[in-house]
Amino acid sequence: MISVLLVDDNRRRTEKFNARILKNNESLFIDLKICHTADKARELCKVKRFDILILDVLLPKKLDMKANKEVGINLLNDLNRRNKFNLPNKIIGITANINDIGEFRESFLEHAVTVLEAPINNVAWIESIQKIILNTIDAYLSEEEEKDKVVISLHGIRTLAPWQNIFSEYIQEKT
């Protein structure tokens, strides 16, 4: 199972994302957490390492505060520089208007895989993130598949053939 944290103060956008992600079969492989402030994201990243962090560029620090560009950058800096946080494997920035990121674009992209424009009336950004999630699930399943392989060879012949030595060496290499 992969873990995804969506940090966005726009509840309509988070509901749309949640509904779209959970309606697909791959939702069985996703542990999705949603929060609406930078402080809550910090709290969650202290106790868990997320495979993917989806982070709104404009965020409030706390619930009763106004969204601000610097809050998202500060969160990214904290995650990257402080040992008390578990740095997510992938970070994706989202914003309702790509112009909102302005002078923080370079700083944001230092830590994020990409920054996507995520307007409420469009789902293209969700589809882009779904592809990243699917690739992460595929990688996860491949790793799990490799861990679960067991080979048992049984036969009743008491002679030794050359293939048995090759097979034995191969098994010793892999274990």
Protein backbone atom coordinates (compact mmCIF):
# COMPACT_ATOMS: atom_id res chain seq x y z
CA MET A 1 0.00 0.00 0.00
CA ILE A 2 1.28 3.46 -0.83
CA SER A 3 0.60 6.49 1.33
CA VAL A 4 -0.48 9.83 -0.12
CA LEU A 5 -0.88 13.10 1.76
CA LEU A 6 -2.90 15.89 0.14
CA VAL A 7 -2.40 19.28 1.81
CA ASP A 8 -4.85 21.83 0.42
CA ASP A 9 -7.07 24.44 2.08
CA ASN A 10 -9.57 24.33 -0.81
CA ARG A 11 -12.15 21.80 0.39
CA ARG A 12 -13.94 21.59 -2.96
CA ARG A 13 -10.69 20.64 -4.65
CA THR A 14 -9.82 18.05 -1.97
CA GLU A 15 -13.32 16.51 -2.23
CA LYS A 16 -13.00 16.32 -6.02
CA PHE A 17 -9.56 14.71 -5.73
CA ASN A 18 -10.73 12.25 -3.09
CA ALA A 19 -13.80 11.20 -5.10
CA ARG A 20 -11.80 10.74 -8.29
CA ILE A 21 -8.98 8.75 -6.66
CA LEU A 22 -11.24 6.51 -4.57
CA LYS A 23 -13.51 5.52 -7.46
CA ASN A 24 -10.74 3.58 -9.22
CA ASN A 25 -9.58 0.04 -8.49
CA GLU A 26 -6.14 1.26 -7.49
CA SER A 27 -7.72 2.90 -4.46
CA LEU A 28 -7.25 -0.47 -2.74
CA PHE A 29 -3.52 0.27 -2.79
CA ILE A 30 -3.75 3.88 -1.56
CA ASP A 31 -3.80 5.18 1.99
CA LEU A 32 -4.97 8.77 1.36
CA LYS A 33 -4.76 11.40 4.09
CA ILE A 34 -6.07 14.92 3.59
CA CYS A 35 -5.30 17.97 5.68
CA HIS A 36 -5.87 21.68 5.19
CA THR A 37 -2.96 23.45 6.95
CA ALA A 38 0.83 23.41 7.00
CA ASP A 39 0.91 22.73 10.74
CA LYS A 40 -1.25 19.61 10.34
CA ALA A 41 0.99 18.41 7.49
CA ARG A 42 4.04 18.83 9.73
CA GLU A 43 2.29 16.85 12.45
CA LEU A 44 1.49 14.01 10.03
CA CYS A 45 5.01 13.99 8.55
CA LYS A 46 6.49 13.59 12.03
CA VAL A 47 4.81 10.22 12.50
CA LYS A 48 4.74 8.81 8.96
CA ARG A 49 6.76 8.81 5.76
CA PHE A 50 4.44 9.41 2.82
CA ASP A 51 5.22 8.06 -0.61
CA ILE A 52 3.63 11.10 -2.24
CA LEU A 53 2.94 14.58 -0.86
CA ILE A 54 0.57 16.75 -2.90
CA LEU A 55 1.01 20.29 -1.63
CA ASP A 56 -0.96 23.43 -2.42
CA VAL A 57 1.37 26.36 -3.05
CA LEU A 58 -0.90 28.78 -1.13
CA LEU A 59 -1.60 27.42 2.34
CA PRO A 60 -2.58 28.72 5.75
CA LYS A 61 -0.29 27.83 8.64
CA LYS A 62 -3.30 27.17 10.91
CA LEU A 63 -7.04 26.79 10.23
CA ASP A 64 -7.98 30.32 11.25
CA MET A 65 -5.21 31.98 9.19
CA LYS A 66 -5.11 33.30 5.63
CA ALA A 67 -3.37 31.29 2.89
CA ASN A 68 0.10 32.52 2.05
CA LYS A 69 2.83 31.54 -0.47
CA GLU A 70 5.57 31.56 2.16
CA VAL A 71 3.80 28.94 4.27
CA GLY A 72 4.14 26.24 1.60
CA ILE A 73 7.81 27.09 1.00
CA ASN A 74 8.50 27.05 4.75
CA LEU A 75 6.84 23.64 5.01
CA LEU A 76 8.99 22.29 2.17
CA ASN A 77 12.12 23.71 3.77
CA ASP A 78 11.23 22.19 7.14
CA LEU A 79 10.59 18.77 5.62
CA ASN A 80 13.91 18.87 3.78
CA ARG A 81 16.11 20.32 6.52
CA ARG A 82 14.81 19.02 9.82
CA ASN A 83 15.41 15.47 10.95
CA LYS A 84 12.22 15.33 13.00
CA PHE A 85 10.16 15.10 9.80
CA ASN A 86 9.90 12.15 7.42
CA LEU A 87 10.60 13.52 3.96
CA PRO A 88 8.07 12.18 1.42
CA ASN A 89 9.50 10.24 -1.53
CA LYS A 90 7.78 12.48 -4.11
CA ILE A 91 6.40 15.98 -3.73
CA ILE A 92 3.92 17.48 -6.20
CA GLY A 93 2.95 21.13 -5.97
CA ILE A 94 -0.52 22.30 -6.98
CA THR A 95 -2.00 25.75 -7.36
CA ALA A 96 -5.30 27.14 -8.64
CA ASN A 97 -3.39 29.66 -10.73
CA ILE A 98 0.18 28.97 -11.84
CA ASN A 99 0.94 32.71 -11.55
CA ASP A 100 0.39 32.46 -7.77
CA ILE A 101 3.74 30.78 -7.31
CA GLY A 102 5.59 33.79 -8.78
CA GLU A 103 8.99 34.38 -7.22
CA PHE A 104 8.73 31.16 -5.16
CA ARG A 105 8.66 28.92 -8.23
CA GLU A 106 12.41 28.10 -8.16
CA SER A 107 12.39 27.42 -4.41
CA PHE A 108 9.31 25.23 -4.73
CA LEU A 109 10.73 23.26 -7.65
CA GLU A 110 13.95 22.56 -5.71
CA HIS A 111 11.92 20.15 -3.58
CA ALA A 112 8.96 19.18 -5.76
CA VAL A 113 8.78 16.83 -8.73
CA THR A 114 6.51 19.31 -10.51
CA VAL A 115 4.02 22.10 -9.93
CA LEU A 116 0.63 21.62 -11.59
CA GLU A 117 -2.08 24.15 -12.22
CA ALA A 118 -5.12 22.75 -10.39
CA PRO A 119 -8.21 24.87 -11.10
CA ILE A 120 -11.49 23.71 -9.56
CA ASN A 121 -13.27 23.39 -12.92
CA ASN A 122 -10.65 21.10 -14.52
CA VAL A 123 -9.54 17.54 -13.71
CA ALA A 124 -6.41 17.37 -15.87
CA TRP A 125 -4.24 17.92 -12.78
CA ILE A 126 -5.91 14.97 -11.04
CA GLU A 127 -5.27 12.77 -14.07
CA SER A 128 -1.59 13.79 -14.04
CA ILE A 129 -1.32 12.90 -10.36
CA GLN A 130 -3.16 9.62 -10.96
CA LYS A 131 -0.42 8.62 -13.42
CA ILE A 132 2.25 9.33 -10.82
CA ILE A 133 0.27 7.34 -8.23
CA LEU A 134 -0.18 4.41 -10.65
CA ASN A 135 3.56 4.35 -11.38
CA THR A 136 4.26 4.37 -7.65
CA ILE A 137 1.78 1.52 -7.09
CA ASP A 138 3.39 -0.48 -9.93
CA ALA A 139 6.83 -0.01 -8.37
CA TYR A 140 5.48 -1.00 -4.96
CA LEU A 141 3.80 -4.14 -6.33
CA SER A 142 6.98 -5.12 -8.21
CA GLU A 143 8.98 -4.85 -4.99
CA GLU A 144 6.40 -6.90 -3.09
CA GLU A 145 6.30 -9.50 -5.85
CA GLU A 146 10.07 -9.93 -5.66
CA LYS A 147 9.89 -10.41 -1.88
CA ASP A 148 7.20 -13.08 -2.14
CA LYS A 149 8.89 -15.45 -4.58
CA VAL A 150 9.65 -18.93 -3.32
CA VAL A 151 11.05 -21.75 -5.42
CA ILE A 152 10.73 -25.37 -4.36
CA SER A 153 12.19 -28.11 -6.50
CA LEU A 154 11.18 -31.70 -5.77
CA HIS A 155 12.03 -34.84 -7.62
CA GLY A 156 12.58 -38.46 -6.73
CA ILE A 157 15.66 -39.22 -8.78
CA ARG A 158 18.84 -39.77 -6.78
CA THR A 159 21.19 -38.78 -9.57
CA LEU A 160 22.78 -35.39 -9.98
CA ALA A 161 22.42 -33.57 -13.29
CA PRO A 162 24.36 -30.43 -14.31
CA TRP A 163 21.20 -28.30 -14.24
CA GLN A 164 20.88 -29.01 -10.50
CA ASN A 165 24.25 -27.38 -9.76
CA ILE A 166 23.34 -24.37 -11.89
CA PHE A 167 19.98 -24.13 -10.14
CA SER A 168 21.61 -24.42 -6.70
CA GLU A 169 24.14 -21.66 -7.51
CA TYR A 170 21.33 -19.43 -8.79
CA ILE A 171 19.33 -19.89 -5.57
CA GLN A 172 22.38 -19.14 -3.42
CA GLU A 173 23.01 -15.94 -5.43
CA LYS A 174 19.46 -14.72 -4.91
CA THR A 175 19.26 -15.43 -1.18
